[in-house]
Amino acid sequence: MLIPVTLFVATALAVFSYSQGQGGPVAGLVFFGVLFLGAFIHVCEPLIEKSKALKSGNKD
């Protein structure tokens, strides 16, 4: 669910950036930056869960 949400947020921020006169390249950087951040969070999610389990002492 995180990836579709970041897609729409990235699209909205890119459109907003373009409408403020930033230009196409800046809007593209905003779009791909937000998409990269969402994908990075999605990839790191298992590591975060594992670190929470280790911190609490529960070893599944």
C-alpha atoms as a PDB file:
ATOM      1  CA  MET A   1       0.000   0.000   0.000  1.00  0.00           C
ATOM      2  CA  LEU A   2       2.963   2.299   0.516  1.00  0.00           C
ATOM      3  CA  ILE A   3       4.068   2.335  -3.130  1.00  0.00           C
ATOM      4  CA  PRO A   4       0.717   3.517  -4.618  1.00  0.00           C
ATOM      5  CA  VAL A   5       0.429   6.183  -1.936  1.00  0.00           C
ATOM      6  CA  THR A   6       3.909   7.510  -2.667  1.00  0.00           C
ATOM      7  CA  LEU A   7       3.107   7.461  -6.388  1.00  0.00           C
ATOM      8  CA  PHE A   8       0.135   9.773  -5.907  1.00  0.00           C
ATOM      9  CA  VAL A   9       1.956  11.980  -3.402  1.00  0.00           C
ATOM     10  CA  ALA A  10       4.904  12.249  -5.800  1.00  0.00           C
ATOM     11  CA  THR A  11       2.587  13.160  -8.657  1.00  0.00           C
ATOM     12  CA  ALA A  12       0.833  15.806  -6.572  1.00  0.00           C
ATOM     13  CA  LEU A  13       4.115  17.343  -5.409  1.00  0.00           C
ATOM     14  CA  ALA A  14       5.540  17.332  -8.934  1.00  0.00           C
ATOM     15  CA  VAL A  15       2.455  19.044 -10.322  1.00  0.00           C
ATOM     16  CA  PHE A  16       2.553  21.586  -7.502  1.00  0.00           C
ATOM     17  CA  SER A  17       6.261  22.216  -8.094  1.00  0.00           C
ATOM     18  CA  TYR A  18       5.681  22.689 -11.816  1.00  0.00           C
ATOM     19  CA  SER A  19       2.731  25.024 -11.192  1.00  0.00           C
ATOM     20  CA  GLN A  20       4.904  27.243  -8.998  1.00  0.00           C
ATOM     21  CA  GLY A  21       7.221  27.922 -11.932  1.00  0.00           C
ATOM     22  CA  GLN A  22      10.069  25.621 -10.901  1.00  0.00           C
ATOM     23  CA  GLY A  23      10.226  24.006 -14.321  1.00  0.00           C
ATOM     24  CA  GLY A  24      10.163  20.473 -15.632  1.00  0.00           C
ATOM     25  CA  PRO A  25      13.564  19.267 -14.412  1.00  0.00           C
ATOM     26  CA  VAL A  26      12.866  20.310 -10.824  1.00  0.00           C
ATOM     27  CA  ALA A  27       9.407  18.738 -10.945  1.00  0.00           C
ATOM     28  CA  GLY A  28      11.010  15.532 -12.231  1.00  0.00           C
ATOM     29  CA  LEU A  29      13.556  15.537  -9.432  1.00  0.00           C
ATOM     30  CA  VAL A  30      10.783  16.015  -6.875  1.00  0.00           C
ATOM     31  CA  PHE A  31       8.754  13.203  -8.438  1.00  0.00           C
ATOM     32  CA  PHE A  32      11.582  10.688  -8.558  1.00  0.00           C
ATOM     33  CA  GLY A  33      12.918  11.764  -5.167  1.00  0.00           C
ATOM     34  CA  VAL A  34       9.603  11.057  -3.454  1.00  0.00           C
ATOM     35  CA  LEU A  35       9.252   7.759  -5.327  1.00  0.00           C
ATOM     36  CA  PHE A  36      12.771   6.755  -4.283  1.00  0.00           C
ATOM     37  CA  LEU A  37      12.024   7.640  -0.664  1.00  0.00           C
ATOM     38  CA  GLY A  38       8.864   5.498  -0.691  1.00  0.00           C
ATOM     39  CA  ALA A  39      10.698   2.558  -2.251  1.00  0.00           C
ATOM     40  CA  PHE A  40      13.544   2.936   0.245  1.00  0.00           C
ATOM     41  CA  ILE A  41      11.118   2.836   3.169  1.00  0.00           C
ATOM     42  CA  HIS A  42       9.414  -0.206   1.637  1.00  0.00           C
ATOM     43  CA  VAL A  43      12.721  -2.051   1.268  1.00  0.00           C
ATOM     44  CA  CYS A  44      13.913  -1.148   4.780  1.00  0.00           C
ATOM     45  CA  GLU A  45      10.668  -2.171   6.476  1.00  0.00           C
ATOM     46  CA  PRO A  46      11.762  -5.783   7.222  1.00  0.00           C
ATOM     47  CA  LEU A  47      14.989  -4.500   8.761  1.00  0.00           C
ATOM     48  CA  ILE A  48      13.057  -2.127  10.990  1.00  0.00           C
ATOM     49  CA  GLU A  49      10.750  -4.930  12.140  1.00  0.00           C
ATOM     50  CA  LYS A  50      13.718  -7.189  12.841  1.00  0.00           C
ATOM     51  CA  SER A  51      15.458  -4.502  14.870  1.00  0.00           C
ATOM     52  CA  LYS A  52      12.273  -3.926  16.898  1.00  0.00           C
ATOM     53  CA  ALA A  53      12.080  -7.663  17.641  1.00  0.00           C
ATOM     54  CA  LEU A  54      15.728  -7.762  18.720  1.00  0.00           C
ATOM     55  CA  LYS A  55      15.294  -4.707  20.911  1.00  0.00           C
ATOM     56  CA  SER A  56      12.290  -6.159  22.710  1.00  0.00           C
ATOM     57  CA  GLY A  57      14.062  -9.498  23.228  1.00  0.00           C
ATOM     58  CA  ASN A  58      11.569 -11.494  21.161  1.00  0.00           C
ATOM     59  CA  LYS A  59      13.496 -13.769  18.792  1.00  0.00           C
ATOM     60  CA  ASP A  60      11.162 -15.113  16.120  1.00  0.00           C
END
